[in-house]
Amino acid sequence: MYDLGTTFGNATLAPGSNLLVSGPPLSGKRRMALEILAHGSEQGEAVIVVTTRDSASRILNDYEALVSDPESVDIGIVDCVTKHQGRSARDTDIVKYASSPEDMTGIGIKFSEFVEEFRTERGIENVRVLVDSLSTLLMYSDVQTVFRFMHVFTSRIENADALGLHIIESTAHEEETLNTLRQLFDHAVTVEADGTLSTTVPDATVDRLDG
């Protein structure tokens, strides 16, 4: 089971779960998601971040500020931003680069490489995954394309017994688009503009949260 930490009352989610985190800009949903990942790092779990908005260096800086021992963290970042901005970059042990947020094939391949490395080569059983954000994917591709990609992506998380966190801007899309994508996720949390949760994971272990 994956413990979500104090923000969610130490609720736990089953391996293979995918959680949609939605809310307006500047509501703190990204930090909240990173805190859930950091909580796992403190327990020796691995972390994979697919970033379509910020560079890997910013993600790493923000993440390391949330953990007690940054040097001991097992983290992999799929950076979809750097090359898209025209900067050259080569894959490292920590960062792998997709050509752009539109390069969903590349994103999937780099993600799978990290999963294989953590689970098979390093023997880390639990992996937490963050996709930040679906809204950026929707800027470059239509909802049907994003739906198909995320259907495969969330299935990979399920098959790996990982925990998936997926961020979307609630005010940037039509309700029809949001409803279409919500079908892909086992659980959903809505973060209000003031940072409060209007939909929360119950205190006890949950099998499914509708909302």
Protein backbone atom coordinates (compact mmCIF):
# COMPACT_ATOMS: atom_id res chain seq x y z
CA MET A 1 0.00 0.00 0.00
CA TYR A 2 1.04 3.59 -0.61
CA ASP A 3 0.75 5.99 2.33
CA LEU A 4 -0.19 9.48 1.08
CA GLY A 5 1.07 11.32 4.15
CA THR A 6 -0.50 13.82 6.53
CA THR A 7 -2.05 16.01 3.80
CA PHE A 8 -4.51 13.18 3.18
CA GLY A 9 -4.83 12.00 6.76
CA ASN A 10 -2.29 9.21 6.17
CA ALA A 11 -4.75 7.45 3.88
CA THR A 12 -3.36 4.66 1.74
CA LEU A 13 -3.97 3.62 -1.84
CA ALA A 14 -3.49 0.19 -3.34
CA PRO A 15 -0.55 -0.51 -5.67
CA GLY A 16 -1.50 0.22 -9.27
CA SER A 17 -3.75 3.15 -8.36
CA ASN A 18 -3.96 6.34 -10.43
CA LEU A 19 -5.01 9.60 -8.76
CA LEU A 20 -6.14 12.70 -10.68
CA VAL A 21 -5.28 15.98 -8.94
CA SER A 22 -7.24 18.88 -10.40
CA GLY A 23 -7.55 22.53 -9.48
CA PRO A 24 -7.08 26.10 -10.74
CA PRO A 25 -3.67 27.72 -11.24
CA LEU A 26 -1.72 28.69 -8.10
CA SER A 27 -3.82 26.43 -5.88
CA GLY A 28 -0.79 24.48 -4.66
CA LYS A 29 -1.74 21.20 -6.31
CA ARG A 30 1.76 20.66 -7.77
CA ARG A 31 3.45 21.09 -4.40
CA MET A 32 0.85 18.83 -2.82
CA ALA A 33 1.63 16.12 -5.38
CA LEU A 34 5.37 16.55 -4.84
CA GLU A 35 4.84 16.19 -1.09
CA ILE A 36 3.12 12.84 -1.68
CA LEU A 37 6.14 11.74 -3.71
CA ALA A 38 8.56 13.04 -1.07
CA HIS A 39 6.69 11.08 1.59
CA GLY A 40 7.47 7.96 -0.42
CA SER A 41 11.13 8.90 -0.81
CA GLU A 42 11.46 9.08 2.97
CA GLN A 43 10.36 5.44 3.03
CA GLY A 44 12.87 4.30 0.42
CA GLU A 45 10.50 4.35 -2.55
CA ALA A 46 11.50 5.51 -6.02
CA VAL A 47 10.04 8.53 -7.79
CA ILE A 48 9.47 9.29 -11.48
CA VAL A 49 8.36 12.74 -12.62
CA VAL A 50 7.14 13.39 -16.16
CA THR A 51 7.36 17.16 -16.53
CA THR A 52 5.73 18.92 -19.45
CA ARG A 53 5.88 22.41 -17.92
CA ASP A 54 9.17 22.88 -16.05
CA SER A 55 12.73 21.85 -16.77
CA ALA A 56 14.25 18.89 -14.94
CA SER A 57 16.56 21.20 -12.98
CA ARG A 58 13.63 23.10 -11.50
CA ILE A 59 11.78 19.91 -10.64
CA LEU A 60 14.89 18.53 -8.96
CA ASN A 61 15.48 21.71 -6.96
CA ASP A 62 11.87 21.86 -5.80
CA TYR A 63 11.85 18.18 -4.91
CA GLU A 64 15.11 18.13 -3.01
CA ALA A 65 13.78 20.92 -0.79
CA LEU A 66 11.04 18.54 0.38
CA VAL A 67 13.20 15.57 1.43
CA SER A 68 15.53 15.19 4.38
CA ASP A 69 18.40 13.57 2.46
CA PRO A 70 18.43 14.57 -1.23
CA GLU A 71 21.53 12.49 -1.93
CA SER A 72 19.73 9.26 -1.05
CA VAL A 73 16.65 9.85 -3.23
CA ASP A 74 15.98 7.49 -6.12
CA ILE A 75 14.43 9.83 -8.69
CA GLY A 76 14.01 9.81 -12.45
CA ILE A 77 12.76 12.77 -14.46
CA VAL A 78 11.34 12.65 -17.98
CA ASP A 79 11.93 16.19 -19.23
CA CYS A 80 9.64 17.19 -22.12
CA VAL A 81 10.61 20.87 -21.96
CA THR A 82 14.34 21.37 -22.51
CA LYS A 83 14.65 20.01 -26.05
CA HIS A 84 11.36 21.61 -27.02
CA GLN A 85 12.92 24.96 -26.13
CA GLY A 86 15.76 24.28 -28.55
CA ARG A 87 18.40 23.43 -25.98
CA SER A 88 20.61 20.38 -26.45
CA ALA A 89 20.55 17.71 -23.76
CA ARG A 90 21.72 14.16 -23.25
CA ASP A 91 20.15 11.53 -21.05
CA THR A 92 21.72 10.97 -17.62
CA ASP A 93 21.07 8.57 -14.75
CA ILE A 94 18.55 11.04 -13.35
CA VAL A 95 17.10 12.79 -16.40
CA LYS A 96 15.85 11.43 -19.73
CA TYR A 97 14.63 13.82 -22.41
CA ALA A 98 11.60 13.62 -24.70
CA SER A 99 11.61 15.96 -27.69
CA SER A 100 8.42 17.80 -26.67
CA PRO A 101 5.11 17.36 -24.82
CA GLU A 102 3.75 16.15 -28.16
CA ASP A 103 6.26 13.29 -28.27
CA MET A 104 4.08 10.81 -26.43
CA THR A 105 5.91 7.80 -27.83
CA GLY A 106 9.18 9.18 -26.49
CA ILE A 107 7.61 9.99 -23.13
CA GLY A 108 6.32 6.44 -22.81
CA ILE A 109 9.67 4.91 -23.71
CA LYS A 110 11.67 7.05 -21.26
CA PHE A 111 9.15 6.37 -18.51
CA SER A 112 9.32 2.61 -19.09
CA GLU A 113 13.12 2.75 -18.95
CA PHE A 114 13.01 4.32 -15.49
CA VAL A 115 10.44 1.79 -14.26
CA GLU A 116 12.61 -1.08 -15.47
CA GLU A 117 15.71 0.42 -13.88
CA PHE A 118 14.15 1.01 -10.49
CA ARG A 119 12.22 -2.21 -10.16
CA THR A 120 14.50 -4.69 -11.92
CA GLU A 121 18.02 -3.31 -11.68
CA ARG A 122 17.77 -1.58 -8.28
CA GLY A 123 15.18 -3.86 -6.73
CA ILE A 124 12.93 -1.03 -5.52
CA GLU A 125 9.44 -2.43 -5.08
CA ASN A 126 7.41 0.77 -4.78
CA VAL A 127 7.50 3.57 -7.35
CA ARG A 128 5.54 6.84 -7.24
CA VAL A 129 4.89 8.64 -10.53
CA LEU A 130 3.88 12.24 -11.18
CA VAL A 131 2.68 13.65 -14.52
CA ASP A 132 2.72 17.47 -14.51
CA SER A 133 0.61 18.18 -16.37
CA LEU A 134 -2.14 16.78 -18.57
CA SER A 135 -3.11 20.34 -19.46
CA THR A 136 0.15 20.84 -21.31
CA LEU A 137 -0.40 17.63 -23.26
CA LEU A 138 -3.81 18.98 -24.26
CA MET A 139 -2.19 22.16 -25.59
CA TYR A 140 -0.32 20.13 -28.21
CA SER A 141 -2.72 17.26 -28.95
CA ASP A 142 -6.47 16.75 -29.06
CA VAL A 143 -8.33 15.08 -26.23
CA GLN A 144 -8.71 11.78 -28.08
CA THR A 145 -4.95 11.49 -28.59
CA VAL A 146 -4.24 12.38 -24.96
CA PHE A 147 -6.89 9.93 -23.79
CA ARG A 148 -5.34 7.08 -25.78
CA PHE A 149 -1.85 7.90 -24.50
CA MET A 150 -2.97 8.20 -20.89
CA HIS A 151 -4.94 4.97 -21.15
CA VAL A 152 -1.70 3.18 -21.99
CA PHE A 153 0.30 5.20 -19.45
CA THR A 154 -2.04 4.55 -16.53
CA SER A 155 -2.15 0.88 -17.49
CA ARG A 156 1.65 0.74 -17.26
CA ILE A 157 1.46 2.23 -13.78
CA GLU A 158 -1.16 -0.36 -12.82
CA ASN A 159 0.89 -3.24 -14.22
CA ALA A 160 3.99 -2.03 -12.36
CA ASP A 161 2.08 -1.81 -9.06
CA ALA A 162 3.15 1.83 -8.90
CA LEU A 163 1.22 4.89 -7.71
CA GLY A 164 0.31 7.49 -10.32
CA LEU A 165 -0.44 11.16 -9.63
CA HIS A 166 -1.68 13.22 -12.57
CA ILE A 167 -2.20 16.99 -12.47
CA ILE A 168 -4.68 18.93 -14.59
CA GLU A 169 -5.80 22.57 -14.58
CA SER A 170 -9.51 22.43 -13.82
CA THR A 171 -10.26 25.87 -15.26
CA ALA A 172 -8.39 25.43 -18.54
CA HIS A 173 -10.67 22.86 -20.16
CA GLU A 174 -14.30 22.27 -20.96
CA GLU A 175 -16.20 20.00 -18.59
CA GLU A 176 -16.62 17.45 -21.37
CA THR A 177 -12.84 17.16 -21.68
CA LEU A 178 -12.42 16.77 -17.93
CA ASN A 179 -15.14 14.12 -17.77
CA THR A 180 -13.56 12.18 -20.62
CA LEU A 181 -10.18 12.06 -18.91
CA ARG A 182 -11.59 11.32 -15.44
CA GLN A 183 -12.63 7.89 -16.70
CA LEU A 184 -8.95 6.87 -16.71
CA PHE A 185 -8.37 7.33 -12.99
CA ASP A 186 -9.25 5.27 -9.93
CA HIS A 187 -9.38 8.25 -7.58
CA ALA A 188 -9.72 12.02 -7.83
CA VAL A 189 -8.86 14.97 -5.60
CA THR A 190 -9.89 18.57 -6.27
CA VAL A 191 -7.78 21.39 -4.86
CA GLU A 192 -9.61 24.68 -4.41
CA ALA A 193 -8.11 28.11 -5.15
CA ASP A 194 -7.24 28.59 -1.48
CA GLY A 195 -5.41 25.27 -1.34
CA THR A 196 -8.08 23.35 0.52
CA LEU A 197 -9.32 19.95 -0.65
CA SER A 198 -12.95 19.76 -1.70
CA THR A 199 -12.61 16.03 -2.34
CA THR A 200 -10.37 14.06 -0.04
CA VAL A 201 -9.22 10.50 0.33
CA PRO A 202 -10.93 8.91 3.39
CA ASP A 203 -8.91 8.35 6.54
CA ALA A 204 -9.08 4.60 6.11
CA THR A 205 -7.60 2.54 3.31
CA VAL A 206 -9.60 3.11 0.14
CA ASP A 207 -10.39 0.92 -2.80
CA ARG A 208 -12.04 3.64 -4.84
CA LEU A 209 -12.87 7.33 -4.44
CA ASP A 210 -15.49 8.78 -6.77
CA GLY A 211 -15.53 12.51 -7.37
